[in-house]
Amino acid sequence: MSQQVQQLLNELNAALVKDNLWSSQPPTADALASTAPFCCDTMPLEQWLQFVLLPRMQALLEAGSPLPNNIAISPLAELVYANKMPAVATVMAAIKRLEQCLN
Protein backbone atom coordinates (compact mmCIF):
# COMPACT_ATOMS: atom_id res chain seq x y z
CA MET A 1 0.00 0.00 0.00
CA SER A 2 2.87 2.41 0.70
CA GLN A 3 3.92 2.28 -2.95
CA GLN A 4 0.39 3.19 -4.01
CA VAL A 5 0.25 6.06 -1.49
CA GLN A 6 3.62 7.33 -2.72
CA GLN A 7 2.28 7.33 -6.28
CA LEU A 8 -0.85 9.19 -5.18
CA LEU A 9 1.22 11.79 -3.32
CA ASN A 10 3.28 12.30 -6.47
CA GLU A 11 0.04 12.70 -8.45
CA LEU A 12 -1.25 15.30 -5.99
CA ASN A 13 2.04 17.16 -6.21
CA ALA A 14 1.85 17.17 -10.02
CA ALA A 15 -1.83 18.18 -9.93
CA LEU A 16 -1.05 21.22 -7.80
CA VAL A 17 1.47 22.31 -10.43
CA LYS A 18 -0.83 21.50 -13.37
CA ASP A 19 -3.78 23.39 -11.89
CA ASN A 20 -1.58 26.42 -11.11
CA LEU A 21 -1.97 25.99 -7.35
CA TRP A 22 1.73 25.39 -6.63
CA SER A 23 3.36 28.05 -4.48
CA SER A 24 7.00 29.00 -4.84
CA GLN A 25 6.89 30.78 -1.48
CA PRO A 26 6.46 28.65 1.65
CA PRO A 27 4.12 29.90 4.37
CA THR A 28 5.62 31.59 7.40
CA ALA A 29 6.50 29.62 10.51
CA ASP A 30 3.54 31.26 12.24
CA ALA A 31 1.20 30.09 9.49
CA LEU A 32 2.54 26.55 9.77
CA ALA A 33 2.07 26.63 13.55
CA SER A 34 -1.70 27.00 13.22
CA THR A 35 -3.76 24.57 15.26
CA ALA A 36 -6.88 25.04 13.13
CA PRO A 37 -7.88 22.13 10.88
CA PHE A 38 -6.04 22.38 7.54
CA CYS A 39 -4.40 25.59 8.88
CA CYS A 40 -7.52 27.22 7.43
CA ASP A 41 -6.97 30.37 9.47
CA THR A 42 -3.46 31.03 8.16
CA MET A 43 -3.11 29.70 4.62
CA PRO A 44 -5.06 28.65 1.53
CA LEU A 45 -5.89 24.95 1.19
CA GLU A 46 -3.41 24.46 -1.66
CA GLN A 47 -0.58 25.66 0.58
CA TRP A 48 -1.69 23.25 3.31
CA LEU A 49 -1.66 20.42 0.77
CA GLN A 50 1.80 21.40 -0.49
CA PHE A 51 3.54 22.37 2.73
CA VAL A 52 1.78 20.27 5.38
CA LEU A 53 0.02 17.22 3.97
CA LEU A 54 2.57 16.16 1.37
CA PRO A 55 5.64 16.49 3.64
CA ARG A 56 3.93 14.80 6.60
CA MET A 57 2.68 11.90 4.51
CA GLN A 58 6.13 11.56 2.92
CA ALA A 59 7.72 11.47 6.38
CA LEU A 60 5.31 8.75 7.51
CA LEU A 61 6.13 6.67 4.45
CA GLU A 62 9.87 7.09 4.87
CA ALA A 63 9.68 6.17 8.56
CA GLY A 64 7.48 3.16 7.89
CA SER A 65 4.95 4.63 10.30
CA PRO A 66 1.24 3.82 10.15
CA LEU A 67 -0.66 5.92 7.65
CA PRO A 68 -3.92 7.65 8.51
CA ASN A 69 -6.88 5.47 7.67
CA ASN A 70 -9.70 7.96 7.76
CA ILE A 71 -9.11 11.24 5.96
CA ALA A 72 -11.63 13.72 4.60
CA ILE A 73 -10.08 16.52 2.61
CA SER A 74 -12.46 16.57 -0.34
CA PRO A 75 -15.47 18.09 1.50
CA LEU A 76 -13.40 21.16 2.35
CA ALA A 77 -11.74 21.20 -1.09
CA GLU A 78 -15.16 21.10 -2.78
CA LEU A 79 -16.25 24.08 -0.71
CA VAL A 80 -13.03 26.05 -1.18
CA TYR A 81 -12.77 25.36 -4.91
CA ALA A 82 -16.50 25.53 -5.78
CA ASN A 83 -16.01 28.65 -7.92
CA LYS A 84 -12.76 27.41 -9.47
CA MET A 85 -14.05 24.26 -11.15
CA PRO A 86 -13.12 22.86 -13.66
CA ALA A 87 -9.76 24.68 -13.36
CA VAL A 88 -8.83 22.60 -10.30
CA ALA A 89 -10.32 19.30 -11.43
CA THR A 90 -6.95 17.55 -11.45
CA VAL A 91 -6.30 18.45 -7.81
CA MET A 92 -9.80 17.41 -6.79
CA ALA A 93 -9.42 14.04 -8.51
CA ALA A 94 -6.01 13.48 -6.87
CA ILE A 95 -7.42 14.30 -3.44
CA LYS A 96 -10.31 11.88 -3.91
CA ARG A 97 -8.00 9.06 -5.09
CA LEU A 98 -5.78 9.56 -2.04
CA GLU A 99 -8.81 9.49 0.27
CA GLN A 100 -10.13 6.32 -1.35
CA CYS A 101 -6.78 4.61 -0.93
CA LEU A 102 -6.40 5.52 2.74
CA ASN A 103 -10.02 5.10 3.88
PDB file of N, CA and C in Angstrom:
ATOM      1  N   MET A   1       0.833  -1.194   0.000  1.00  0.00           N
ATOM      2  CA  MET A   1       0.000   0.000   0.000  1.00  0.00           C
ATOM      3  C   MET A   1       0.876   1.256   0.000  1.00  0.00           C
ATOM      4  N   SER A   2       2.036   1.215   0.642  1.00  0.00           N
ATOM      5  CA  SER A   2       2.868   2.410   0.704  1.00  0.00           C
ATOM      6  C   SER A   2       3.319   2.864  -0.677  1.00  0.00           C
ATOM      7  N   GLN A   3       3.552   1.908  -1.575  1.00  0.00           N
ATOM      8  CA  GLN A   3       3.918   2.284  -2.946  1.00  0.00           C
ATOM      9  C   GLN A   3       2.776   3.023  -3.627  1.00  0.00           C
ATOM     10  N   GLN A   4       1.567   2.546  -3.413  1.00  0.00           N
ATOM     11  CA  GLN A   4       0.394   3.193  -4.008  1.00  0.00           C
ATOM     12  C   GLN A   4       0.208   4.592  -3.428  1.00  0.00           C
ATOM     13  N   VAL A   5       0.382   4.741  -2.118  1.00  0.00           N
ATOM     14  CA  VAL A   5       0.247   6.055  -1.485  1.00  0.00           C
ATOM     15  C   VAL A   5       1.319   6.995  -2.023  1.00  0.00           C
ATOM     16  N   GLN A   6       2.551   6.500  -2.169  1.00  0.00           N
ATOM     17  CA  GLN A   6       3.624   7.329  -2.721  1.00  0.00           C
ATOM     18  C   GLN A   6       3.254   7.826  -4.113  1.00  0.00           C
ATOM     19  N   GLN A   7       2.707   6.951  -4.929  1.00  0.00           N
ATOM     20  CA  GLN A   7       2.284   7.333  -6.280  1.00  0.00           C
ATOM     21  C   GLN A   7       1.186   8.392  -6.220  1.00  0.00           C
ATOM     22  N   LEU A   8       0.250   8.222  -5.303  1.00  0.00           N
ATOM     23  CA  LEU A   8      -0.845   9.186  -5.183  1.00  0.00           C
ATOM     24  C   LEU A   8      -0.351  10.535  -4.666  1.00  0.00           C
ATOM     25  N   LEU A   9       0.630  10.531  -3.780  1.00  0.00           N
ATOM     26  CA  LEU A   9       1.219  11.791  -3.325  1.00  0.00           C
ATOM     27  C   LEU A   9       1.925  12.491  -4.473  1.00  0.00           C
ATOM     28  N   ASN A  10       2.624  11.721  -5.292  1.00  0.00           N
ATOM     29  CA  ASN A  10       3.281  12.298  -6.472  1.00  0.00           C
ATOM     30  C   ASN A  10       2.245  12.886  -7.426  1.00  0.00           C
ATOM     31  N   GLU A  11       1.121  12.196  -7.581  1.00  0.00           N
ATOM     32  CA  GLU A  11       0.041  12.697  -8.450  1.00  0.00           C
ATOM     33  C   GLU A  11      -0.539  13.998  -7.902  1.00  0.00           C
ATOM     34  N   LEU A  12      -0.722  14.067  -6.591  1.00  0.00           N
ATOM     35  CA  LEU A  12      -1.255  15.295  -5.993  1.00  0.00           C
ATOM     36  C   LEU A  12      -0.269  16.443  -6.185  1.00  0.00           C
ATOM     37  N   ASN A  13       0.995  16.166  -5.994  1.00  0.00           N
ATOM     38  CA  ASN A  13       2.036  17.163  -6.213  1.00  0.00           C
ATOM     39  C   ASN A  13       1.965  17.687  -7.651  1.00  0.00           C
ATOM     40  N   ALA A  14       1.918  16.782  -8.614  1.00  0.00           N
ATOM     41  CA  ALA A  14       1.849  17.171 -10.024  1.00  0.00           C
ATOM     42  C   ALA A  14       0.551  17.910 -10.339  1.00  0.00           C
ATOM     43  N   ALA A  15      -0.543  17.519  -9.703  1.00  0.00           N
ATOM     44  CA  ALA A  15      -1.834  18.177  -9.927  1.00  0.00           C
ATOM     45  C   ALA A  15      -1.815  19.616  -9.434  1.00  0.00           C
ATOM     46  N   LEU A  16      -1.165  19.854  -8.306  1.00  0.00           N
ATOM     47  CA  LEU A  16      -1.051  21.225  -7.804  1.00  0.00           C
ATOM     48  C   LEU A  16      -0.312  22.107  -8.809  1.00  0.00           C
ATOM     49  N   VAL A  17       0.727  21.556  -9.409  1.00  0.00           N
ATOM     50  CA  VAL A  17       1.473  22.305 -10.429  1.00  0.00           C
ATOM     51  C   VAL A  17       0.592  22.518 -11.661  1.00  0.00           C
ATOM     52  N   LYS A  18      -0.020  21.435 -12.139  1.00  0.00           N
ATOM     53  CA  LYS A  18      -0.828  21.498 -13.369  1.00  0.00           C
ATOM     54  C   LYS A  18      -1.983  22.495 -13.238  1.00  0.00           C
ATOM     55  N   ASP A  19      -2.623  22.503 -12.089  1.00  0.00           N
ATOM     56  CA  ASP A  19      -3.781  23.386 -11.887  1.00  0.00           C
ATOM     57  C   ASP A  19      -3.385  24.785 -11.398  1.00  0.00           C
ATOM     58  N   ASN A  20      -2.100  25.100 -11.492  1.00  0.00           N
ATOM     59  CA  ASN A  20      -1.577  26.417 -11.108  1.00  0.00           C
ATOM     60  C   ASN A  20      -1.863  26.769  -9.652  1.00  0.00           C
ATOM     61  N   LEU A  21      -1.770  25.766  -8.778  1.00  0.00           N
ATOM     62  CA  LEU A  21      -1.967  25.991  -7.353  1.00  0.00           C
ATOM     63  C   LEU A  21      -0.671  25.825  -6.570  1.00  0.00           C
ATOM     64  N   TRP A  22       0.430  25.587  -7.269  1.00  0.00           N
ATOM     65  CA  TRP A  22       1.733  25.392  -6.630  1.00  0.00           C
ATOM     66  C   TRP A  22       2.288  26.744  -6.201  1.00  0.00           C
ATOM     67  N   SER A  23       2.806  26.808  -4.998  1.00  0.00           N
ATOM     68  CA  SER A  23       3.364  28.050  -4.478  1.00  0.00           C
ATOM     69  C   SER A  23       4.881  27.951  -4.416  1.00  0.00           C
ATOM     70  N   SER A  24       5.545  28.971  -4.919  1.00  0.00           N
ATOM     71  CA  SER A  24       6.997  28.995  -4.841  1.00  0.00           C
ATOM     72  C   SER A  24       7.466  29.557  -3.500  1.00  0.00           C
ATOM     73  N   GLN A  25       6.562  30.202  -2.782  1.00  0.00           N
ATOM     74  CA  GLN A  25       6.888  30.784  -1.475  1.00  0.00           C
ATOM     75  C   GLN A  25       6.250  29.946  -0.373  1.00  0.00           C
ATOM     76  N   PRO A  26       7.049  29.402   0.534  1.00  0.00           N
ATOM     77  CA  PRO A  26       6.459  28.652   1.653  1.00  0.00           C
ATOM     78  C   PRO A  26       5.754  29.594   2.622  1.00  0.00           C
ATOM     79  N   PRO A  27       4.779  29.070   3.347  1.00  0.00           N
ATOM     80  CA  PRO A  27       4.125  29.898   4.365  1.00  0.00           C
ATOM     81  C   PRO A  27       5.100  30.207   5.497  1.00  0.00           C
ATOM     82  N   THR A  28       4.776  31.219   6.263  1.00  0.00           N
ATOM     83  CA  THR A  28       5.617  31.593   7.396  1.00  0.00           C
ATOM     84  C   THR A  28       5.552  30.515   8.477  1.00  0.00           C
ATOM     85  N   ALA A  29       6.501  30.555   9.378  1.00  0.00           N
ATOM     86  CA  ALA A  29       6.505  29.620  10.507  1.00  0.00           C
ATOM     87  C   ALA A  29       5.237  29.792  11.345  1.00  0.00           C
ATOM     88  N   ASP A  30       4.781  31.017  11.495  1.00  0.00           N
ATOM     89  CA  ASP A  30       3.543  31.264  12.241  1.00  0.00           C
ATOM     90  C   ASP A  30       2.349  30.616  11.551  1.00  0.00           C
ATOM     91  N   ALA A  31       2.299  30.710  10.234  1.00  0.00           N
ATOM     92  CA  ALA A  31       1.199  30.092   9.488  1.00  0.00           C
ATOM     93  C   ALA A  31       1.225  28.582   9.657  1.00  0.00           C
ATOM     94  N   LEU A  32       2.401  28.000   9.613  1.00  0.00           N
ATOM     95  CA  LEU A  32       2.539  26.550   9.768  1.00  0.00           C
ATOM     96  C   LEU A  32       2.224  26.088  11.185  1.00  0.00           C
ATOM     97  N   ALA A  33       2.330  26.977  12.155  1.00  0.00           N
ATOM     98  CA  ALA A  33       2.072  26.627  13.549  1.00  0.00           C
ATOM     99  C   ALA A  33       0.591  26.645  13.908  1.00  0.00           C
ATOM    100  N   SER A  34      -0.262  26.949  12.962  1.00  0.00           N
ATOM    101  CA  SER A  34      -1.699  27.003  13.221  1.00  0.00           C
ATOM    102  C   SER A  34      -2.197  25.678  13.792  1.00  0.00           C
ATOM    103  N   THR A  35      -3.140  25.776  14.707  1.00  0.00           N
ATOM    104  CA  THR A  35      -3.755  24.571  15.257  1.00  0.00           C
ATOM    105  C   THR A  35      -5.143  24.330  14.668  1.00  0.00           C
ATOM    106  N   ALA A  36      -5.578  25.207  13.786  1.00  0.00           N
ATOM    107  CA  ALA A  36      -6.879  25.037  13.134  1.00  0.00           C
ATOM    108  C   ALA A  36      -6.788  23.909  12.107  1.00  0.00           C
ATOM    109  N   PRO A  37      -7.895  23.183  11.893  1.00  0.00           N
ATOM    110  CA  PRO A  37      -7.876  22.134  10.878  1.00  0.00           C
ATOM    111  C   PRO A  37      -7.442  22.707   9.523  1.00  0.00           C
ATOM    112  N   PHE A  38      -6.554  21.998   8.860  1.00  0.00           N
ATOM    113  CA  PHE A  38      -6.042  22.383   7.540  1.00  0.00           C
ATOM    114  C   PHE A  38      -5.353  23.755   7.563  1.00  0.00           C
ATOM    115  N   CYS A  39      -4.981  24.238   8.736  1.00  0.00           N
ATOM    116  CA  CYS A  39      -4.399  25.591   8.877  1.00  0.00           C
ATOM    117  C   CYS A  39      -5.274  26.624   8.163  1.00  0.00           C
ATOM    118  N   CYS A  40      -6.588  26.397   8.213  1.00  0.00           N
ATOM    119  CA  CYS A  40      -7.521  27.220   7.433  1.00  0.00           C
ATOM    120  C   CYS A  40      -7.516  28.690   7.844  1.00  0.00           C
ATOM    121  N   ASP A  41      -7.002  28.982   9.008  1.00  0.00           N
ATOM    122  CA  ASP A  41      -6.968  30.370   9.468  1.00  0.00           C
ATOM    123  C   ASP A  41      -5.701  31.102   9.030  1.00  0.00           C
ATOM    124  N   THR A  42      -4.731  30.381   8.465  1.00  0.00           N
ATOM    125  CA  THR A  42      -3.455  31.028   8.161  1.00  0.00           C
ATOM    126  C   THR A  42      -2.960  30.838   6.731  1.00  0.00           C
ATOM    127  N   MET A  43      -3.583  29.919   5.982  1.00  0.00           N
ATOM    128  CA  MET A  43      -3.107  29.697   4.615  1.00  0.00           C
ATOM    129  C   MET A  43      -4.205  29.094   3.751  1.00  0.00           C
ATOM    130  N   PRO A  44      -4.092  29.278   2.434  1.00  0.00           N
ATOM    131  CA  PRO A  44      -5.059  28.645   1.532  1.00  0.00           C
ATOM    132  C   PRO A  44      -4.875  27.126   1.528  1.00  0.00           C
ATOM    133  N   LEU A  45      -5.912  26.413   1.180  1.00  0.00           N
ATOM    134  CA  LEU A  45      -5.886  24.953   1.185  1.00  0.00           C
ATOM    135  C   LEU A  45      -4.736  24.398   0.350  1.00  0.00           C
ATOM    136  N   GLU A  46      -4.480  24.995  -0.805  1.00  0.00           N
ATOM    137  CA  GLU A  46      -3.414  24.457  -1.662  1.00  0.00           C
ATOM    138  C   GLU A  46      -2.048  24.553  -0.982  1.00  0.00           C
ATOM    139  N   GLN A  47      -1.837  25.583  -0.161  1.00  0.00           N
ATOM    140  CA  GLN A  47      -0.579  25.656   0.584  1.00  0.00           C
ATOM    141  C   GLN A  47      -0.530  24.580   1.659  1.00  0.00           C
ATOM    142  N   TRP A  48      -1.649  24.322   2.312  1.00  0.00           N
ATOM    143  CA  TRP A  48      -1.688  23.254   3.309  1.00  0.00           C
ATOM    144  C   TRP A  48      -1.368  21.910   2.647  1.00  0.00           C
ATOM    145  N   LEU A  49      -1.950  21.664   1.490  1.00  0.00           N
ATOM    146  CA  LEU A  49      -1.657  20.424   0.772  1.00  0.00           C
ATOM    147  C   LEU A  49      -0.166  20.320   0.471  1.00  0.00           C
ATOM    148  N   GLN A  50       0.402  21.394  -0.049  1.00  0.00           N
ATOM    149  CA  GLN A  50       1.801  21.403  -0.487  1.00  0.00           C
ATOM    150  C   GLN A  50       2.791  21.382   0.668  1.00  0.00           C
ATOM    151  N   PHE A  51       2.539  22.176   1.689  1.00  0.00           N
ATOM    152  CA  PHE A  51       3.545  22.375   2.727  1.00  0.00           C
ATOM    153  C   PHE A  51       3.277  21.617   4.030  1.00  0.00           C
ATOM    154  N   VAL A  52       2.093  21.034   4.174  1.00  0.00           N
ATOM    155  CA  VAL A  52       1.782  20.271   5.382  1.00  0.00           C
ATOM    156  C   VAL A  52       1.476  18.817   5.036  1.00  0.00           C
ATOM    157  N   LEU A  53       0.429  18.600   4.261  1.00  0.00           N
ATOM    158  CA  LEU A  53       0.016  17.219   3.972  1.00  0.00           C
ATOM    159  C   LEU A  53       1.104  16.422   3.256  1.00  0.00           C
ATOM    160  N   LEU A  54       1.582  16.924   2.140  1.00  0.00           N
ATOM    161  CA  LEU A  54       2.571  16.164   1.370  1.00  0.00           C
ATOM    162  C   LEU A  54       3.830  15.851   2.181  1.00  0.00           C
ATOM    163  N   PRO A  55       4.444  16.826   2.858  1.00  0.00           N
ATOM    164  CA  PRO A  55       5.640  16.494   3.644  1.00  0.00           C
ATOM    165  C   PRO A  55       5.362  15.524   4.801  1.00  0.00           C
ATOM    166  N   ARG A  56       4.240  15.691   5.474  1.00  0.00           N
ATOM    167  CA  ARG A  56       3.931  14.803   6.605  1.00  0.00           C
ATOM    168  C   ARG A  56       3.672  13.377   6.130  1.00  0.00           C
ATOM    169  N   MET A  57       2.935  13.237   5.054  1.00  0.00           N
ATOM    170  CA  MET A  57       2.680  11.901   4.507  1.00  0.00           C
ATOM    171  C   MET A  57       3.976  11.266   4.025  1.00  0.00           C
ATOM    172  N   GLN A  58       4.833  12.056   3.396  1.00  0.00           N
ATOM    173  CA  GLN A  58       6.128  11.558   2.925  1.00  0.00           C
ATOM    174  C   GLN A  58       6.969  11.086   4.112  1.00  0.00           C
ATOM    175  N   ALA A  59       6.962  11.845   5.183  1.00  0.00           N
ATOM    176  CA  ALA A  59       7.724  11.472   6.378  1.00  0.00           C
ATOM    177  C   ALA A  59       7.200  10.163   6.978  1.00  0.00           C
ATOM    178  N   LEU A  60       5.883   9.997   7.012  1.00  0.00           N
ATOM    179  CA  LEU A  60       5.306   8.747   7.515  1.00  0.00           C
ATOM    180  C   LEU A  60       5.749   7.563   6.659  1.00  0.00           C
ATOM    181  N   LEU A  61       5.706   7.740   5.343  1.00  0.00           N
ATOM    182  CA  LEU A  61       6.127   6.666   4.445  1.00  0.00           C
ATOM    183  C   LEU A  61       7.596   6.313   4.656  1.00  0.00           C
ATOM    184  N   GLU A  62       8.438   7.322   4.719  1.00  0.00           N
ATOM    185  CA  GLU A  62       9.872   7.087   4.869  1.00  0.00           C
ATOM    186  C   GLU A  62      10.214   6.431   6.199  1.00  0.00           C
ATOM    187  N   ALA A  63       9.438   6.746   7.241  1.00  0.00           N
ATOM    188  CA  ALA A  63       9.685   6.172   8.561  1.00  0.00           C
ATOM    189  C   ALA A  63       9.037   4.800   8.729  1.00  0.00           C
ATOM    190  N   GLY A  64       8.214   4.416   7.766  1.00  0.00           N
ATOM    191  CA  GLY A  64       7.483   3.156   7.892  1.00  0.00           C
ATOM    192  C   GLY A  64       6.409   3.223   8.963  1.00  0.00           C
ATOM    193  N   SER A  65       5.979   4.417   9.275  1.00  0.00           N
ATOM    194  CA  SER A  65       4.947   4.628  10.296  1.00  0.00           C
ATOM    195  C   SER A  65       3.567   4.319   9.733  1.00  0.00           C
ATOM    196  N   PRO A  66       2.615   4.045  10.623  1.00  0.00           N
ATOM    197  CA  PRO A  66       1.244   3.819  10.153  1.00  0.00           C
ATOM    198  C   PRO A  66       0.698   5.056   9.451  1.00  0.00           C
ATOM    199  N   LEU A  67      -0.039   4.827   8.395  1.00  0.00           N
ATOM    200  CA  LEU A  67      -0.659   5.922   7.654  1.00  0.00           C
ATOM    201  C   LEU A  67      -2.058   6.169   8.196  1.00  0.00           C
ATOM    202  N   PRO A  68      -2.541   7.393   8.070  1.00  0.00           N
ATOM    203  CA  PRO A  68      -3.923   7.652   8.510  1.00  0.00           C
ATOM    204  C   PRO A  68      -4.878   6.772   7.713  1.00  0.00           C
ATOM    205  N   ASN A  69      -5.948   6.344   8.364  1.00  0.00           N
ATOM    206  CA  ASN A  69      -6.882   5.466   7.669  1.00  0.00           C
ATOM    207  C   ASN A  69      -8.290   6.036   7.592  1.00  0.00           C
ATOM    208  N   ASN A  70      -8.398   7.313   7.862  1.00  0.00           N
ATOM    209  CA  ASN A  70      -9.704   7.959   7.756  1.00  0.00           C
ATOM    210  C   ASN A  70      -9.480   9.448   7.519  1.00  0.00           C
ATOM    211  N   ILE A  71      -9.343   9.831   6.262  1.00  0.00           N
ATOM    212  CA  ILE A  71      -9.114  11.237   5.960  1.00  0.00           C
ATOM    213  C   ILE A  71     -10.293  11.781   5.161  1.00  0.00           C
ATOM    214  N   ALA A  72     -10.529  13.065   5.314  1.00  0.00           N
ATOM    215  CA  ALA A  72     -11.631  13.719   4.601  1.00  0.00           C
ATOM    216  C   ALA A  72     -11.187  15.132   4.237  1.00  0.00           C
ATOM    217  N   ILE A  73     -10.521  15.228   3.115  1.00  0.00           N
ATOM    218  CA  ILE A  73     -10.076  16.525   2.610  1.00  0.00           C
ATOM    219  C   ILE A  73     -11.039  17.046   1.548  1.00  0.00           C
ATOM    220  N   SER A  74     -11.636  16.143   0.794  1.00  0.00           N
ATOM    221  CA  SER A  74     -12.463  16.566  -0.345  1.00  0.00           C
ATOM    222  C   SER A  74     -13.675  17.416   0.046  1.00  0.00           C
ATOM    223  N   PRO A  75     -14.348  17.188   1.183  1.00  0.00           N
ATOM    224  CA  PRO A  75     -15.473  18.088   1.501  1.00  0.00           C
ATOM    225  C   PRO A  75     -15.032  19.550   1.607  1.00  0.00           C
ATOM    226  N   LEU A  76     -13.899  19.794   2.258  1.00  0.00           N
ATOM    227  CA  LEU A  76     -13.396  21.160   2.351  1.00  0.00           C
ATOM    228  C   LEU A  76     -12.940  21.655   0.980  1.00  0.00           C
ATOM    229  N   ALA A  77     -12.236  20.808   0.243  1.00  0.00           N
ATOM    230  CA  ALA A  77     -11.744  21.203  -1.085  1.00  0.00           C
ATOM    231  C   ALA A  77     -12.906  21.559  -2.010  1.00  0.00           C
ATOM    232  N   GLU A  78     -13.992  20.792  -1.945  1.00  0.00           N
ATOM    233  CA  GLU A  78     -15.161  21.101  -2.781  1.00  0.00           C
ATOM    234  C   GLU A  78     -15.742  22.459  -2.430  1.00  0.00           C
ATOM    235  N   LEU A  79     -15.749  22.781  -1.151  1.00  0.00           N
ATOM    236  CA  LEU A  79     -16.252  24.082  -0.709  1.00  0.00           C
ATOM    237  C   LEU A  79     -15.309  25.202  -1.142  1.00  0.00           C
ATOM    238  N   VAL A  80     -14.028  25.024  -0.870  1.00  0.00           N
ATOM    239  CA  VAL A  80     -13.028  26.050  -1.185  1.00  0.00           C
ATOM    240  C   VAL A  80     -12.936  26.306  -2.691  1.00  0.00           C
ATOM    241  N   TYR A  81     -12.993  25.234  -3.470  1.00  0.00           N
ATOM    242  CA  TYR A  81     -12.773  25.355  -4.911  1.00  0.00           C
ATOM    243  C   TYR A  81     -14.074  25.369  -5.726  1.00  0.00           C
ATOM    244  N   ALA A  82     -15.210  25.566  -5.079  1.00  0.00           N
ATOM    245  CA  ALA A  82     -16.496  25.530  -5.775  1.00  0.00           C
ATOM    246  C   ALA A  82     -16.546  26.479  -6.973  1.00  0.00           C
ATOM    247  N   ASN A  83     -15.967  27.660  -6.836  1.00  0.00           N
ATOM    248  CA  ASN A  83     -16.006  28.646  -7.916  1.00  0.00           C
ATOM    249  C   ASN A  83     -14.819  28.536  -8.860  1.00  0.00           C
ATOM    250  N   LYS A  84     -13.949  27.562  -8.629  1.00  0.00           N
ATOM    251  CA  LYS A  84     -12.760  27.406  -9.466  1.00  0.00           C
ATOM    252  C   LYS A  84     -12.824  26.176 -10.364  1.00  0.00           C
ATOM    253  N   MET A  85     -13.926  25.443 -10.303  1.00  0.00           N
ATOM    254  CA  MET A  85     -14.050  24.255 -11.150  1.00  0.00           C
ATOM    255  C   MET A  85     -14.375  24.713 -12.564  1.00  0.00           C
ATOM    256  N   PRO A  86     -13.913  24.085 -13.601  1.00  0.00           N
ATOM    257  CA  PRO A  86     -13.117  22.862 -13.656  1.00  0.00           C
ATOM    258  C   PRO A  86     -11.608  23.109 -13.614  1.00  0.00           C
ATOM    259  N   ALA A  87     -11.190  24.339 -13.321  1.00  0.00           N
ATOM    260  CA  ALA A  87      -9.760  24.676 -13.359  1.00  0.00           C
ATOM    261  C   ALA A  87      -8.934  23.868 -12.367  1.00  0.00           C
ATOM    262  N   VAL A  88      -9.560  23.367 -11.303  1.00  0.00           N
ATOM    263  CA  VAL A  88      -8.825  22.602 -10.298  1.00  0.00           C
ATOM    264  C   VAL A  88      -9.259  21.133 -10.270  1.00  0.00           C
ATOM    265  N   ALA A  89      -9.805  20.674 -11.360  1.00  0.00           N
ATOM    266  CA  ALA A  89     -10.323  19.299 -11.433  1.00  0.00           C
ATOM    267  C   ALA A  89      -9.243  18.254 -11.196  1.00  0.00           C
ATOM    268  N   THR A  90      -8.028  18.516 -11.634  1.00  0.00           N
ATOM    269  CA  THR A  90      -6.947  17.547 -11.454  1.00  0.00           C
ATOM    270  C   THR A  90      -6.615  17.395  -9.970  1.00  0.00           C
ATOM    271  N   VAL A  91      -6.560  18.503  -9.251  1.00  0.00           N
ATOM    272  CA  VAL A  91      -6.296  18.447  -7.811  1.00  0.00           C
ATOM    273  C   VAL A  91      -7.434  17.734  -7.090  1.00  0.00           C
ATOM    274  N   MET A  92      -8.662  18.058  -7.430  1.00  0.00           N
ATOM    275  CA  MET A  92      -9.805  17.408  -6.787  1.00  0.00           C
ATOM    276  C   MET A  92      -9.767  15.895  -7.008  1.00  0.00           C
ATOM    277  N   ALA A  93      -9.477  15.479  -8.215  1.00  0.00           N
ATOM    278  CA  ALA A  93      -9.415  14.041  -8.509  1.00  0.00           C
ATOM    279  C   ALA A  93      -8.286  13.374  -7.722  1.00  0.00           C
ATOM    280  N   ALA A  94      -7.147  14.037  -7.612  1.00  0.00           N
ATOM    281  CA  ALA A  94      -6.013  13.479  -6.871  1.00  0.00           C
ATOM    282  C   ALA A  94      -6.347  13.354  -5.385  1.00  0.00           C
ATOM    283  N   ILE A  95      -7.012  14.348  -4.838  1.00  0.00           N
ATOM    284  CA  ILE A  95      -7.417  14.297  -3.436  1.00  0.00           C
ATOM    285  C   ILE A  95      -8.360  13.114  -3.203  1.00  0.00           C
ATOM    286  N   LYS A  96      -9.321  12.953  -4.068  1.00  0.00           N
ATOM    287  CA  LYS A  96     -10.306  11.879  -3.913  1.00  0.00           C
ATOM    288  C   LYS A  96      -9.655  10.499  -4.042  1.00  0.00           C
ATOM    289  N   ARG A  97      -8.697  10.351  -4.952  1.00  0.00           N
ATOM    290  CA  ARG A  97      -7.995   9.063  -5.092  1.00  0.00           C
ATOM    291  C   ARG A  97      -7.188   8.752  -3.830  1.00  0.00           C
ATOM    292  N   LEU A  98      -6.535   9.763  -3.260  1.00  0.00           N
ATOM    293  CA  LEU A  98      -5.777   9.558  -2.038  1.00  0.00           C
ATOM    294  C   LEU A  98      -6.707   9.154  -0.898  1.00  0.00           C
ATOM    295  N   GLU A  99      -7.831   9.831  -0.770  1.00  0.00           N
ATOM    296  CA  GLU A  99      -8.807   9.488   0.265  1.00  0.00           C
ATOM    297  C   GLU A  99      -9.288   8.046   0.109  1.00  0.00           C
ATOM    298  N   GLN A 100      -9.636   7.668  -1.102  1.00  0.00           N
ATOM    299  CA  GLN A 100     -10.129   6.315  -1.350  1.00  0.00           C
ATOM    300  C   GLN A 100      -9.093   5.273  -0.971  1.00  0.00           C
ATOM    301  N   CYS A 101      -7.853   5.541  -1.243  1.00  0.00           N
ATOM    302  CA  CYS A 101      -6.781   4.605  -0.928  1.00  0.00           C
ATOM    303  C   CYS A 101      -6.609   4.446   0.579  1.00  0.00           C
ATOM    304  N   LEU A 102      -6.672   5.547   1.303  1.00  0.00           N
ATOM    305  CA  LEU A 102      -6.400   5.516   2.741  1.00  0.00           C
ATOM    306  C   LEU A 102      -7.616   5.128   3.578  1.00  0.00           C
ATOM    307  N   ASN A 103      -8.807   5.363   3.078  1.00  0.00           N
ATOM    308  CA  ASN A 103     -10.015   5.099   3.885  1.00  0.00           C
ATOM    309  C   ASN A 103     -10.489   3.666   3.758  1.00  0.00           C
TER     310      ASN A 103
END
